[in-house]
Amino acid sequence: MNIENKTIFIDLDGTLVDIAPRHYRVYTESLTMFKGTTPISFEQYWRQKRCDTPWNNILQQSSLSPEREREFLEEFRDRIEKSGELFQDKLLPGAFGALERLFGKNALYLLSLRRDKEALAQQIDHLGVQHFFRDILSGHSNTKSGTLRKKADIICSQKVDPQNVVIIGDTEADVAAAKSIGAMSIAVTSGIRDYDFLEKLSPDIIIRSVGDIL
């Protein structure tokens, strides 16, 4: 795969960093707030998240009553972007090397749907990859439809030529953004969606991880 002289928007969670441990840790910690609940195993949890199993199904398996779902999700969302959690994330194998190889021949931007921009910037600094990116871009929507449009809106605000843009990410939001603006999409299976889920979205390319991009 030859990628040179492109404007590349790279997702963070699941693309550059391994989010599975944090996701499961926050899920189990959030459940402790509710009596009578029992977390499912890491393997069960991550398998279901990767095929986009709805939260209500996962929480039902965890013995959480439906009327407590909203409380759980508020607790989960509050915890998932705490600095103490984020600083435990590790770069995925090959991620740093991929950034090194892409850097210099391309314009790299980090693109995220995080809520907390300050915590995001602190994590990028902690991971030691901030120097690779021209800018750290983020935005958030509270709706599924809004989430699918958000990354495209952020990219368009940069006034770049879509035909020269490559979007690398692990979710439907990344593929949707690329299709919306007419850019190339590269989906990675290292994150929160598995190969079968991503294949149905018809990205231009599917690879195992960002380390395989070159």
N, C-alpha and C. Protein backbone atom coordinates (compact mmCIF):
# COMPACT_ATOMS: atom_id res chain seq x y z
N MET A 1 0.85 -1.18 0.00
CA MET A 1 0.00 0.00 0.00
C MET A 1 0.89 1.25 0.00
N ASN A 2 0.80 2.08 -1.02
CA ASN A 2 1.65 3.26 -1.14
C ASN A 2 0.85 4.51 -0.78
N ILE A 3 1.17 5.09 0.36
CA ILE A 3 0.49 6.31 0.78
C ILE A 3 1.54 7.40 0.96
N GLU A 4 1.55 8.35 0.05
CA GLU A 4 2.47 9.48 0.12
C GLU A 4 1.75 10.74 -0.32
N ASN A 5 2.18 11.85 0.29
CA ASN A 5 1.63 13.17 -0.06
C ASN A 5 0.12 13.22 0.14
N LYS A 6 -0.34 12.62 1.21
CA LYS A 6 -1.75 12.61 1.55
C LYS A 6 -2.00 13.39 2.84
N THR A 7 -3.25 13.78 3.04
CA THR A 7 -3.68 14.31 4.32
C THR A 7 -4.38 13.16 5.03
N ILE A 8 -3.78 12.69 6.11
CA ILE A 8 -4.26 11.47 6.77
C ILE A 8 -4.83 11.81 8.14
N PHE A 9 -6.08 11.41 8.34
CA PHE A 9 -6.75 11.56 9.63
C PHE A 9 -6.79 10.19 10.30
N ILE A 10 -6.15 10.10 11.46
CA ILE A 10 -6.01 8.82 12.15
C ILE A 10 -6.78 8.84 13.46
N ASP A 11 -7.61 7.85 13.64
CA ASP A 11 -8.35 7.67 14.88
C ASP A 11 -7.39 7.20 15.97
N LEU A 12 -7.74 7.44 17.23
CA LEU A 12 -6.88 7.03 18.35
C LEU A 12 -7.31 5.71 18.96
N ASP A 13 -8.51 5.70 19.55
CA ASP A 13 -8.97 4.51 20.30
C ASP A 13 -9.18 3.32 19.38
N GLY A 14 -8.44 2.25 19.63
CA GLY A 14 -8.60 1.04 18.84
C GLY A 14 -7.77 1.02 17.57
N THR A 15 -7.28 2.20 17.17
CA THR A 15 -6.45 2.30 15.97
C THR A 15 -4.98 2.44 16.36
N LEU A 16 -4.71 3.36 17.28
CA LEU A 16 -3.35 3.53 17.78
C LEU A 16 -3.14 2.94 19.16
N VAL A 17 -4.19 2.95 19.98
CA VAL A 17 -4.05 2.40 21.34
C VAL A 17 -5.02 1.24 21.55
N ASP A 18 -4.59 0.31 22.41
CA ASP A 18 -5.40 -0.85 22.76
C ASP A 18 -6.40 -0.42 23.83
N ILE A 19 -7.68 -0.39 23.47
CA ILE A 19 -8.69 0.09 24.42
C ILE A 19 -9.42 -1.02 25.15
N ALA A 20 -9.18 -2.27 24.76
CA ALA A 20 -9.92 -3.38 25.35
C ALA A 20 -9.77 -3.45 26.87
N PRO A 21 -8.54 -3.36 27.43
CA PRO A 21 -8.41 -3.42 28.89
C PRO A 21 -9.16 -2.30 29.60
N ARG A 22 -9.07 -1.07 29.06
CA ARG A 22 -9.77 0.05 29.70
C ARG A 22 -11.28 -0.13 29.63
N HIS A 23 -11.77 -0.54 28.47
CA HIS A 23 -13.20 -0.74 28.31
C HIS A 23 -13.74 -1.75 29.33
N TYR A 24 -13.07 -2.87 29.43
CA TYR A 24 -13.57 -3.91 30.34
C TYR A 24 -13.41 -3.48 31.79
N ARG A 25 -12.29 -2.84 32.11
CA ARG A 25 -12.06 -2.38 33.48
C ARG A 25 -13.14 -1.39 33.91
N VAL A 26 -13.48 -0.43 33.04
CA VAL A 26 -14.50 0.57 33.38
C VAL A 26 -15.88 -0.07 33.46
N TYR A 27 -16.14 -1.03 32.59
CA TYR A 27 -17.42 -1.77 32.65
C TYR A 27 -17.58 -2.47 34.00
N THR A 28 -16.55 -3.19 34.44
CA THR A 28 -16.66 -3.91 35.71
C THR A 28 -16.71 -2.96 36.90
N GLU A 29 -15.91 -1.88 36.85
CA GLU A 29 -15.92 -0.91 37.95
C GLU A 29 -17.27 -0.19 38.04
N SER A 30 -17.86 0.09 36.90
CA SER A 30 -19.16 0.76 36.91
C SER A 30 -20.24 -0.15 37.46
N LEU A 31 -20.14 -1.43 37.17
CA LEU A 31 -21.14 -2.37 37.69
C LEU A 31 -21.10 -2.49 39.21
N THR A 32 -19.92 -2.26 39.81
CA THR A 32 -19.83 -2.37 41.27
C THR A 32 -20.70 -1.35 41.98
N MET A 33 -21.14 -0.34 41.25
CA MET A 33 -22.02 0.67 41.84
C MET A 33 -23.44 0.14 42.05
N PHE A 34 -23.73 -1.01 41.48
CA PHE A 34 -25.09 -1.54 41.51
C PHE A 34 -25.08 -2.94 42.13
N LYS A 35 -25.81 -3.12 43.20
CA LYS A 35 -25.85 -4.39 43.92
C LYS A 35 -26.49 -5.49 43.07
N GLY A 36 -25.98 -6.70 43.26
CA GLY A 36 -26.58 -7.86 42.61
C GLY A 36 -26.13 -8.10 41.19
N THR A 37 -25.20 -7.31 40.69
CA THR A 37 -24.73 -7.47 39.32
C THR A 37 -23.51 -8.39 39.26
N THR A 38 -23.31 -9.04 38.12
CA THR A 38 -22.17 -9.94 37.91
C THR A 38 -21.59 -9.70 36.53
N PRO A 39 -20.38 -9.17 36.45
CA PRO A 39 -19.79 -8.92 35.14
C PRO A 39 -19.62 -10.21 34.34
N ILE A 40 -19.83 -10.12 33.03
CA ILE A 40 -19.50 -11.24 32.17
C ILE A 40 -17.98 -11.25 31.99
N SER A 41 -17.43 -12.30 31.41
CA SER A 41 -15.98 -12.40 31.26
C SER A 41 -15.46 -11.38 30.25
N PHE A 42 -14.16 -11.13 30.32
CA PHE A 42 -13.54 -10.22 29.36
C PHE A 42 -13.79 -10.69 27.93
N GLU A 43 -13.62 -11.97 27.69
CA GLU A 43 -13.79 -12.52 26.34
C GLU A 43 -15.22 -12.29 25.84
N GLN A 44 -16.20 -12.56 26.70
CA GLN A 44 -17.59 -12.35 26.32
C GLN A 44 -17.87 -10.88 26.04
N TYR A 45 -17.41 -10.04 26.93
CA TYR A 45 -17.67 -8.60 26.80
C TYR A 45 -17.08 -8.06 25.51
N TRP A 46 -15.81 -8.34 25.26
CA TRP A 46 -15.15 -7.76 24.11
C TRP A 46 -15.68 -8.33 22.79
N ARG A 47 -16.01 -9.61 22.79
CA ARG A 47 -16.60 -10.21 21.59
C ARG A 47 -17.91 -9.52 21.23
N GLN A 48 -18.71 -9.22 22.24
CA GLN A 48 -20.01 -8.60 21.97
C GLN A 48 -19.87 -7.12 21.59
N LYS A 49 -18.93 -6.42 22.20
CA LYS A 49 -18.71 -5.03 21.81
C LYS A 49 -18.22 -4.95 20.37
N ARG A 50 -17.40 -5.90 19.96
CA ARG A 50 -16.82 -5.85 18.62
C ARG A 50 -17.84 -6.14 17.52
N CYS A 51 -18.94 -6.78 17.87
CA CYS A 51 -19.99 -6.98 16.87
C CYS A 51 -21.18 -6.05 17.12
N ASP A 52 -20.95 -5.02 17.96
CA ASP A 52 -21.93 -3.96 18.22
C ASP A 52 -23.20 -4.45 18.91
N THR A 53 -23.03 -5.38 19.85
CA THR A 53 -24.16 -5.82 20.68
C THR A 53 -24.65 -4.64 21.51
N PRO A 54 -25.95 -4.35 21.54
CA PRO A 54 -26.46 -3.21 22.31
C PRO A 54 -26.14 -3.33 23.80
N TRP A 55 -25.97 -2.19 24.44
CA TRP A 55 -25.66 -2.17 25.86
C TRP A 55 -26.73 -2.90 26.68
N ASN A 56 -28.00 -2.73 26.30
CA ASN A 56 -29.04 -3.36 27.13
C ASN A 56 -28.90 -4.88 27.16
N ASN A 57 -28.41 -5.48 26.07
CA ASN A 57 -28.19 -6.93 26.06
C ASN A 57 -27.04 -7.31 26.99
N ILE A 58 -25.95 -6.56 26.92
CA ILE A 58 -24.80 -6.85 27.77
C ILE A 58 -25.16 -6.66 29.24
N LEU A 59 -25.89 -5.61 29.55
CA LEU A 59 -26.24 -5.34 30.94
C LEU A 59 -27.26 -6.34 31.48
N GLN A 60 -28.12 -6.84 30.60
CA GLN A 60 -29.05 -7.88 31.02
C GLN A 60 -28.28 -9.14 31.42
N GLN A 61 -27.26 -9.47 30.64
CA GLN A 61 -26.42 -10.62 30.97
C GLN A 61 -25.62 -10.39 32.26
N SER A 62 -25.46 -9.13 32.63
CA SER A 62 -24.72 -8.77 33.83
C SER A 62 -25.63 -8.62 35.05
N SER A 63 -26.90 -8.99 34.87
CA SER A 63 -27.91 -8.96 35.95
C SER A 63 -28.25 -7.55 36.42
N LEU A 64 -28.10 -6.57 35.52
CA LEU A 64 -28.50 -5.20 35.86
C LEU A 64 -29.92 -4.99 35.38
N SER A 65 -30.77 -4.49 36.25
CA SER A 65 -32.17 -4.28 35.88
C SER A 65 -32.27 -3.17 34.84
N PRO A 66 -33.20 -3.28 33.89
CA PRO A 66 -33.32 -2.30 32.81
C PRO A 66 -33.48 -0.86 33.29
N GLU A 67 -34.17 -0.67 34.42
CA GLU A 67 -34.40 0.70 34.88
C GLU A 67 -33.12 1.36 35.42
N ARG A 68 -32.04 0.58 35.61
CA ARG A 68 -30.77 1.15 36.07
C ARG A 68 -29.78 1.38 34.92
N GLU A 69 -30.20 1.05 33.70
CA GLU A 69 -29.28 1.16 32.55
C GLU A 69 -28.76 2.58 32.37
N ARG A 70 -29.64 3.56 32.46
CA ARG A 70 -29.22 4.95 32.24
C ARG A 70 -28.17 5.36 33.28
N GLU A 71 -28.39 4.96 34.54
CA GLU A 71 -27.42 5.28 35.58
C GLU A 71 -26.07 4.64 35.28
N PHE A 72 -26.11 3.38 34.86
CA PHE A 72 -24.86 2.68 34.53
C PHE A 72 -24.11 3.42 33.42
N LEU A 73 -24.81 3.77 32.35
CA LEU A 73 -24.17 4.41 31.21
C LEU A 73 -23.58 5.76 31.58
N GLU A 74 -24.25 6.49 32.45
CA GLU A 74 -23.71 7.77 32.92
C GLU A 74 -22.41 7.53 33.69
N GLU A 75 -22.41 6.50 34.53
CA GLU A 75 -21.21 6.15 35.30
C GLU A 75 -20.09 5.72 34.37
N PHE A 76 -20.42 4.89 33.38
CA PHE A 76 -19.42 4.40 32.43
C PHE A 76 -18.82 5.56 31.65
N ARG A 77 -19.65 6.45 31.13
CA ARG A 77 -19.16 7.58 30.33
C ARG A 77 -18.32 8.53 31.16
N ASP A 78 -18.66 8.66 32.43
CA ASP A 78 -17.89 9.54 33.30
C ASP A 78 -16.50 8.97 33.58
N ARG A 79 -16.41 7.66 33.70
CA ARG A 79 -15.14 7.01 34.04
C ARG A 79 -14.23 6.79 32.84
N ILE A 80 -14.78 6.54 31.66
CA ILE A 80 -14.02 6.04 30.52
C ILE A 80 -12.96 7.03 30.03
N GLU A 81 -13.16 8.34 30.29
CA GLU A 81 -12.18 9.33 29.85
C GLU A 81 -11.42 9.99 31.00
N LYS A 82 -11.46 9.38 32.18
CA LYS A 82 -10.67 9.89 33.29
C LYS A 82 -9.19 9.68 33.00
N SER A 83 -8.37 10.65 33.38
CA SER A 83 -6.94 10.55 33.11
C SER A 83 -6.32 9.30 33.71
N GLY A 84 -6.78 8.92 34.89
CA GLY A 84 -6.25 7.71 35.53
C GLY A 84 -6.49 6.46 34.70
N GLU A 85 -7.58 6.44 33.98
CA GLU A 85 -7.88 5.31 33.09
C GLU A 85 -7.09 5.44 31.78
N LEU A 86 -7.09 6.64 31.20
CA LEU A 86 -6.44 6.85 29.91
C LEU A 86 -4.94 6.59 29.97
N PHE A 87 -4.32 6.94 31.09
CA PHE A 87 -2.87 6.80 31.18
C PHE A 87 -2.43 5.34 31.30
N GLN A 88 -3.37 4.43 31.43
CA GLN A 88 -3.04 3.01 31.44
C GLN A 88 -3.08 2.40 30.04
N ASP A 89 -3.60 3.16 29.06
CA ASP A 89 -3.63 2.68 27.68
C ASP A 89 -2.21 2.51 27.14
N LYS A 90 -2.04 1.52 26.28
CA LYS A 90 -0.76 1.28 25.63
C LYS A 90 -0.94 1.38 24.12
N LEU A 91 0.10 1.85 23.44
CA LEU A 91 0.07 1.84 21.99
C LEU A 91 0.00 0.41 21.48
N LEU A 92 -0.76 0.19 20.43
CA LEU A 92 -0.83 -1.13 19.82
C LEU A 92 0.50 -1.45 19.15
N PRO A 93 0.85 -2.74 19.06
CA PRO A 93 2.09 -3.12 18.39
C PRO A 93 2.15 -2.55 16.97
N GLY A 94 3.26 -1.95 16.64
CA GLY A 94 3.45 -1.40 15.29
C GLY A 94 2.92 0.00 15.09
N ALA A 95 2.17 0.55 16.08
CA ALA A 95 1.56 1.87 15.89
C ALA A 95 2.61 2.97 15.81
N PHE A 96 3.58 2.96 16.71
CA PHE A 96 4.60 4.01 16.71
C PHE A 96 5.41 3.96 15.41
N GLY A 97 5.78 2.76 14.98
CA GLY A 97 6.54 2.62 13.74
C GLY A 97 5.76 3.10 12.53
N ALA A 98 4.46 2.83 12.52
CA ALA A 98 3.62 3.29 11.40
C ALA A 98 3.58 4.81 11.35
N LEU A 99 3.45 5.44 12.51
CA LEU A 99 3.44 6.89 12.55
C LEU A 99 4.78 7.46 12.08
N GLU A 100 5.85 6.82 12.47
CA GLU A 100 7.17 7.26 12.02
C GLU A 100 7.29 7.21 10.51
N ARG A 101 6.80 6.13 9.91
CA ARG A 101 6.92 5.96 8.47
C ARG A 101 6.00 6.90 7.70
N LEU A 102 4.82 7.17 8.26
CA LEU A 102 3.87 8.07 7.60
C LEU A 102 4.28 9.53 7.76
N PHE A 103 4.90 9.84 8.87
CA PHE A 103 5.29 11.21 9.19
C PHE A 103 6.38 11.68 8.21
N GLY A 104 6.24 12.88 7.73
CA GLY A 104 7.23 13.44 6.83
C GLY A 104 6.77 13.45 5.39
N LYS A 105 6.15 12.35 4.96
CA LYS A 105 5.65 12.26 3.60
C LYS A 105 4.16 12.60 3.51
N ASN A 106 3.55 12.81 4.67
CA ASN A 106 2.12 13.09 4.71
C ASN A 106 1.81 14.11 5.80
N ALA A 107 0.65 14.71 5.72
CA ALA A 107 0.16 15.59 6.78
C ALA A 107 -0.75 14.75 7.68
N LEU A 108 -0.33 14.55 8.93
CA LEU A 108 -1.08 13.69 9.85
C LEU A 108 -1.88 14.51 10.85
N TYR A 109 -3.14 14.11 11.01
CA TYR A 109 -4.01 14.71 12.02
C TYR A 109 -4.61 13.59 12.87
N LEU A 110 -4.66 13.80 14.17
CA LEU A 110 -5.37 12.87 15.04
C LEU A 110 -6.83 13.28 15.07
N LEU A 111 -7.71 12.30 14.90
CA LEU A 111 -9.15 12.58 14.84
C LEU A 111 -9.88 11.70 15.84
N SER A 112 -10.61 12.31 16.77
CA SER A 112 -11.24 11.55 17.85
C SER A 112 -12.65 12.06 18.12
N LEU A 113 -13.47 11.17 18.70
CA LEU A 113 -14.82 11.57 19.13
C LEU A 113 -14.89 11.67 20.66
N ARG A 114 -13.76 11.94 21.28
CA ARG A 114 -13.72 12.09 22.73
C ARG A 114 -14.48 13.34 23.18
N ARG A 115 -15.02 13.28 24.39
CA ARG A 115 -15.70 14.44 24.98
C ARG A 115 -14.70 15.42 25.59
N ASP A 116 -13.69 14.88 26.29
CA ASP A 116 -12.77 15.70 27.08
C ASP A 116 -11.52 16.00 26.26
N LYS A 117 -11.45 17.18 25.67
CA LYS A 117 -10.32 17.54 24.80
C LYS A 117 -9.03 17.67 25.59
N GLU A 118 -9.12 18.17 26.82
CA GLU A 118 -7.91 18.34 27.63
C GLU A 118 -7.31 16.99 27.99
N ALA A 119 -8.17 16.04 28.41
CA ALA A 119 -7.68 14.71 28.75
C ALA A 119 -7.10 14.01 27.52
N LEU A 120 -7.69 14.26 26.36
CA LEU A 120 -7.19 13.70 25.11
C LEU A 120 -5.78 14.21 24.82
N ALA A 121 -5.58 15.52 24.93
CA ALA A 121 -4.27 16.11 24.67
C ALA A 121 -3.23 15.60 25.66
N GLN A 122 -3.63 15.45 26.92
CA GLN A 122 -2.71 14.93 27.93
C GLN A 122 -2.31 13.49 27.63
N GLN A 123 -3.25 12.69 27.14
CA GLN A 123 -2.93 11.31 26.82
C GLN A 123 -1.97 11.22 25.64
N ILE A 124 -2.19 12.04 24.61
CA ILE A 124 -1.30 12.04 23.44
C ILE A 124 0.11 12.41 23.86
N ASP A 125 0.22 13.39 24.76
CA ASP A 125 1.53 13.77 25.28
C ASP A 125 2.15 12.63 26.07
N HIS A 126 1.34 11.97 26.89
CA HIS A 126 1.82 10.85 27.71
C HIS A 126 2.31 9.69 26.84
N LEU A 127 1.65 9.46 25.72
CA LEU A 127 2.04 8.38 24.82
C LEU A 127 3.28 8.73 23.99
N GLY A 128 3.64 9.99 23.96
CA GLY A 128 4.83 10.42 23.24
C GLY A 128 4.69 10.45 21.74
N VAL A 129 3.47 10.71 21.25
CA VAL A 129 3.26 10.74 19.80
C VAL A 129 2.75 12.09 19.31
N GLN A 130 2.70 13.10 20.18
CA GLN A 130 2.13 14.38 19.81
C GLN A 130 2.88 15.04 18.66
N HIS A 131 4.19 14.80 18.54
CA HIS A 131 4.99 15.47 17.52
C HIS A 131 4.69 14.97 16.11
N PHE A 132 3.99 13.86 15.99
CA PHE A 132 3.65 13.34 14.66
C PHE A 132 2.50 14.11 14.02
N PHE A 133 1.68 14.78 14.82
CA PHE A 133 0.43 15.35 14.33
C PHE A 133 0.47 16.87 14.18
N ARG A 134 -0.08 17.33 13.08
CA ARG A 134 -0.20 18.77 12.88
C ARG A 134 -1.24 19.37 13.81
N ASP A 135 -2.24 18.56 14.17
CA ASP A 135 -3.27 19.04 15.09
C ASP A 135 -4.00 17.85 15.67
N ILE A 136 -4.61 18.06 16.82
CA ILE A 136 -5.45 17.06 17.47
C ILE A 136 -6.88 17.56 17.37
N LEU A 137 -7.70 16.84 16.63
CA LEU A 137 -9.07 17.27 16.35
C LEU A 137 -10.05 16.34 17.07
N SER A 138 -11.05 16.92 17.68
CA SER A 138 -12.04 16.09 18.38
C SER A 138 -13.39 16.77 18.39
N GLY A 139 -14.41 15.97 18.61
CA GLY A 139 -15.78 16.47 18.70
C GLY A 139 -16.66 15.34 19.17
N HIS A 140 -17.86 15.67 19.58
CA HIS A 140 -18.72 14.63 20.13
C HIS A 140 -20.19 14.92 19.83
N SER A 141 -20.96 13.85 19.68
CA SER A 141 -22.42 13.96 19.55
C SER A 141 -23.05 12.95 20.50
N ASN A 142 -24.19 13.29 21.04
CA ASN A 142 -24.89 12.38 21.95
C ASN A 142 -25.83 11.42 21.24
N THR A 143 -25.92 11.52 19.91
CA THR A 143 -26.79 10.64 19.15
C THR A 143 -25.98 9.78 18.19
N LYS A 144 -26.52 8.63 17.84
CA LYS A 144 -25.83 7.73 16.91
C LYS A 144 -25.69 8.39 15.54
N SER A 145 -26.76 9.01 15.05
CA SER A 145 -26.71 9.65 13.74
C SER A 145 -25.72 10.81 13.75
N GLY A 146 -25.70 11.56 14.85
CA GLY A 146 -24.78 12.67 14.95
C GLY A 146 -23.33 12.21 15.00
N THR A 147 -23.11 11.09 15.68
CA THR A 147 -21.77 10.51 15.75
C THR A 147 -21.27 10.12 14.37
N LEU A 148 -22.15 9.56 13.55
CA LEU A 148 -21.76 9.14 12.21
C LEU A 148 -21.44 10.33 11.30
N ARG A 149 -21.94 11.51 11.64
CA ARG A 149 -21.64 12.71 10.83
C ARG A 149 -20.49 13.53 11.39
N LYS A 150 -20.20 13.36 12.66
CA LYS A 150 -19.28 14.26 13.35
C LYS A 150 -17.88 14.31 12.74
N LYS A 151 -17.30 13.15 12.45
CA LYS A 151 -15.94 13.16 11.92
C LYS A 151 -15.87 13.83 10.55
N ALA A 152 -16.89 13.61 9.73
CA ALA A 152 -16.92 14.27 8.42
C ALA A 152 -16.98 15.78 8.60
N ASP A 153 -17.78 16.24 9.56
CA ASP A 153 -17.89 17.68 9.82
C ASP A 153 -16.55 18.27 10.25
N ILE A 154 -15.84 17.52 11.12
CA ILE A 154 -14.55 18.00 11.61
C ILE A 154 -13.55 18.10 10.47
N ILE A 155 -13.51 17.06 9.62
CA ILE A 155 -12.58 17.06 8.50
C ILE A 155 -12.89 18.19 7.53
N CYS A 156 -14.16 18.38 7.22
CA CYS A 156 -14.56 19.45 6.29
C CYS A 156 -14.18 20.83 6.82
N SER A 157 -14.16 20.98 8.13
CA SER A 157 -13.79 22.27 8.71
C SER A 157 -12.33 22.61 8.47
N GLN A 158 -11.53 21.60 8.10
CA GLN A 158 -10.11 21.83 7.83
C GLN A 158 -9.87 22.29 6.39
N LYS A 159 -10.93 22.30 5.59
CA LYS A 159 -10.85 22.77 4.20
C LYS A 159 -9.76 22.05 3.40
N VAL A 160 -9.82 20.72 3.44
CA VAL A 160 -8.87 19.89 2.70
C VAL A 160 -9.54 19.33 1.45
N ASP A 161 -8.73 18.87 0.53
CA ASP A 161 -9.23 18.26 -0.70
C ASP A 161 -9.59 16.80 -0.41
N PRO A 162 -10.87 16.43 -0.43
CA PRO A 162 -11.27 15.06 -0.09
C PRO A 162 -10.56 13.98 -0.92
N GLN A 163 -10.23 14.30 -2.16
CA GLN A 163 -9.57 13.31 -3.01
C GLN A 163 -8.14 13.02 -2.55
N ASN A 164 -7.62 13.88 -1.69
CA ASN A 164 -6.27 13.68 -1.17
C ASN A 164 -6.28 13.22 0.28
N VAL A 165 -7.49 12.89 0.79
CA VAL A 165 -7.65 12.53 2.20
C VAL A 165 -7.74 11.01 2.38
N VAL A 166 -7.09 10.52 3.43
CA VAL A 166 -7.21 9.12 3.85
C VAL A 166 -7.65 9.14 5.31
N ILE A 167 -8.67 8.34 5.63
CA ILE A 167 -9.16 8.23 7.01
C ILE A 167 -8.90 6.82 7.50
N ILE A 168 -8.18 6.71 8.60
CA ILE A 168 -7.82 5.40 9.17
C ILE A 168 -8.51 5.27 10.52
N GLY A 169 -9.32 4.23 10.70
CA GLY A 169 -10.00 4.04 11.96
C GLY A 169 -10.60 2.67 12.11
N ASP A 170 -11.21 2.44 13.27
CA ASP A 170 -11.70 1.10 13.60
C ASP A 170 -13.21 1.00 13.73
N THR A 171 -13.95 2.07 13.38
CA THR A 171 -15.40 2.04 13.59
C THR A 171 -16.18 2.51 12.37
N GLU A 172 -17.48 2.39 12.48
CA GLU A 172 -18.39 2.83 11.43
C GLU A 172 -18.31 4.34 11.23
N ALA A 173 -17.95 5.10 12.28
CA ALA A 173 -17.85 6.55 12.16
C ALA A 173 -16.73 6.94 11.19
N ASP A 174 -15.64 6.18 11.17
CA ASP A 174 -14.53 6.48 10.28
C ASP A 174 -14.89 6.18 8.82
N VAL A 175 -15.52 5.04 8.61
CA VAL A 175 -15.92 4.68 7.25
C VAL A 175 -17.00 5.62 6.74
N ALA A 176 -17.95 5.96 7.60
CA ALA A 176 -19.02 6.88 7.21
C ALA A 176 -18.47 8.25 6.84
N ALA A 177 -17.48 8.71 7.58
CA ALA A 177 -16.88 10.02 7.29
C ALA A 177 -16.23 10.00 5.91
N ALA A 178 -15.50 8.93 5.62
CA ALA A 178 -14.82 8.83 4.32
C ALA A 178 -15.83 8.80 3.18
N LYS A 179 -16.87 8.01 3.33
CA LYS A 179 -17.89 7.91 2.28
C LYS A 179 -18.62 9.25 2.10
N SER A 180 -18.85 9.94 3.20
CA SER A 180 -19.59 11.20 3.15
C SER A 180 -18.86 12.27 2.35
N ILE A 181 -17.52 12.31 2.48
CA ILE A 181 -16.78 13.38 1.82
C ILE A 181 -16.05 12.91 0.57
N GLY A 182 -16.11 11.59 0.28
CA GLY A 182 -15.45 11.08 -0.91
C GLY A 182 -13.97 10.82 -0.72
N ALA A 183 -13.57 10.46 0.50
CA ALA A 183 -12.17 10.17 0.81
C ALA A 183 -11.93 8.67 0.83
N MET A 184 -10.67 8.28 0.91
CA MET A 184 -10.32 6.86 1.05
C MET A 184 -10.46 6.44 2.50
N SER A 185 -11.02 5.26 2.74
CA SER A 185 -11.16 4.73 4.10
C SER A 185 -10.31 3.47 4.26
N ILE A 186 -9.57 3.44 5.35
CA ILE A 186 -8.81 2.25 5.73
C ILE A 186 -9.30 1.82 7.10
N ALA A 187 -9.94 0.68 7.17
CA ALA A 187 -10.48 0.17 8.44
C ALA A 187 -9.51 -0.83 9.05
N VAL A 188 -9.33 -0.73 10.36
CA VAL A 188 -8.46 -1.66 11.08
C VAL A 188 -9.30 -2.51 12.02
N THR A 189 -8.93 -3.78 12.13
CA THR A 189 -9.69 -4.71 12.97
C THR A 189 -9.10 -4.85 14.37
N SER A 190 -8.23 -3.92 14.75
CA SER A 190 -7.58 -3.98 16.05
C SER A 190 -8.41 -3.35 17.16
N GLY A 191 -9.53 -2.74 16.80
CA GLY A 191 -10.30 -1.98 17.77
C GLY A 191 -11.62 -2.59 18.15
N ILE A 192 -12.63 -1.72 18.28
CA ILE A 192 -13.90 -2.12 18.88
C ILE A 192 -14.89 -2.74 17.90
N ARG A 193 -14.50 -2.89 16.63
CA ARG A 193 -15.35 -3.58 15.66
C ARG A 193 -14.53 -4.69 14.99
N ASP A 194 -15.17 -5.83 14.78
CA ASP A 194 -14.46 -6.96 14.18
C ASP A 194 -14.53 -6.92 12.65
N TYR A 195 -13.86 -7.88 12.03
CA TYR A 195 -13.76 -7.89 10.57
C TYR A 195 -15.13 -7.99 9.92
N ASP A 196 -15.97 -8.90 10.40
CA ASP A 196 -17.28 -9.09 9.78
C ASP A 196 -18.12 -7.82 9.83
N PHE A 197 -18.06 -7.12 10.95
CA PHE A 197 -18.82 -5.87 11.08
C PHE A 197 -18.29 -4.83 10.09
N LEU A 198 -16.98 -4.68 10.05
CA LEU A 198 -16.38 -3.66 9.18
C LEU A 198 -16.57 -3.99 7.70
N GLU A 199 -16.51 -5.26 7.36
CA GLU A 199 -16.65 -5.65 5.96
C GLU A 199 -18.00 -5.23 5.39
N LYS A 200 -19.04 -5.28 6.22
CA LYS A 200 -20.38 -4.89 5.76
C LYS A 200 -20.47 -3.40 5.43
N LEU A 201 -19.55 -2.62 5.96
CA LEU A 201 -19.54 -1.18 5.71
C LEU A 201 -18.85 -0.83 4.40
N SER A 202 -18.15 -1.79 3.81
CA SER A 202 -17.45 -1.61 2.53
C SER A 202 -16.43 -0.48 2.53
N PRO A 203 -15.49 -0.51 3.47
CA PRO A 203 -14.39 0.47 3.40
C PRO A 203 -13.52 0.13 2.19
N ASP A 204 -12.66 1.06 1.79
CA ASP A 204 -11.80 0.80 0.64
C ASP A 204 -10.81 -0.33 0.93
N ILE A 205 -10.29 -0.35 2.15
CA ILE A 205 -9.30 -1.35 2.54
C ILE A 205 -9.57 -1.76 3.98
N ILE A 206 -9.38 -3.04 4.29
CA ILE A 206 -9.42 -3.53 5.66
C ILE A 206 -8.07 -4.18 5.97
N ILE A 207 -7.45 -3.76 7.06
CA ILE A 207 -6.20 -4.36 7.49
C ILE A 207 -6.32 -4.75 8.96
N ARG A 208 -5.40 -5.58 9.40
CA ARG A 208 -5.44 -6.06 10.78
C ARG A 208 -5.17 -4.93 11.77
N SER A 209 -4.13 -4.13 11.50
CA SER A 209 -3.76 -3.06 12.41
C SER A 209 -3.04 -1.97 11.64
N VAL A 210 -2.89 -0.80 12.27
CA VAL A 210 -2.23 0.31 11.61
C VAL A 210 -0.77 -0.03 11.30
N GLY A 211 -0.21 -0.98 12.05
CA GLY A 211 1.16 -1.41 11.80
C GLY A 211 1.32 -2.08 10.45
N ASP A 212 0.22 -2.54 9.85
CA ASP A 212 0.27 -3.20 8.55
C ASP A 212 0.06 -2.24 7.39
N ILE A 213 -0.07 -0.95 7.69
CA ILE A 213 -0.50 -0.02 6.64
C ILE A 213 0.53 0.14 5.54
N LEU A 214 1.80 -0.04 5.86
CA LEU A 214 2.82 0.10 4.82
C LEU A 214 3.45 -1.23 4.48
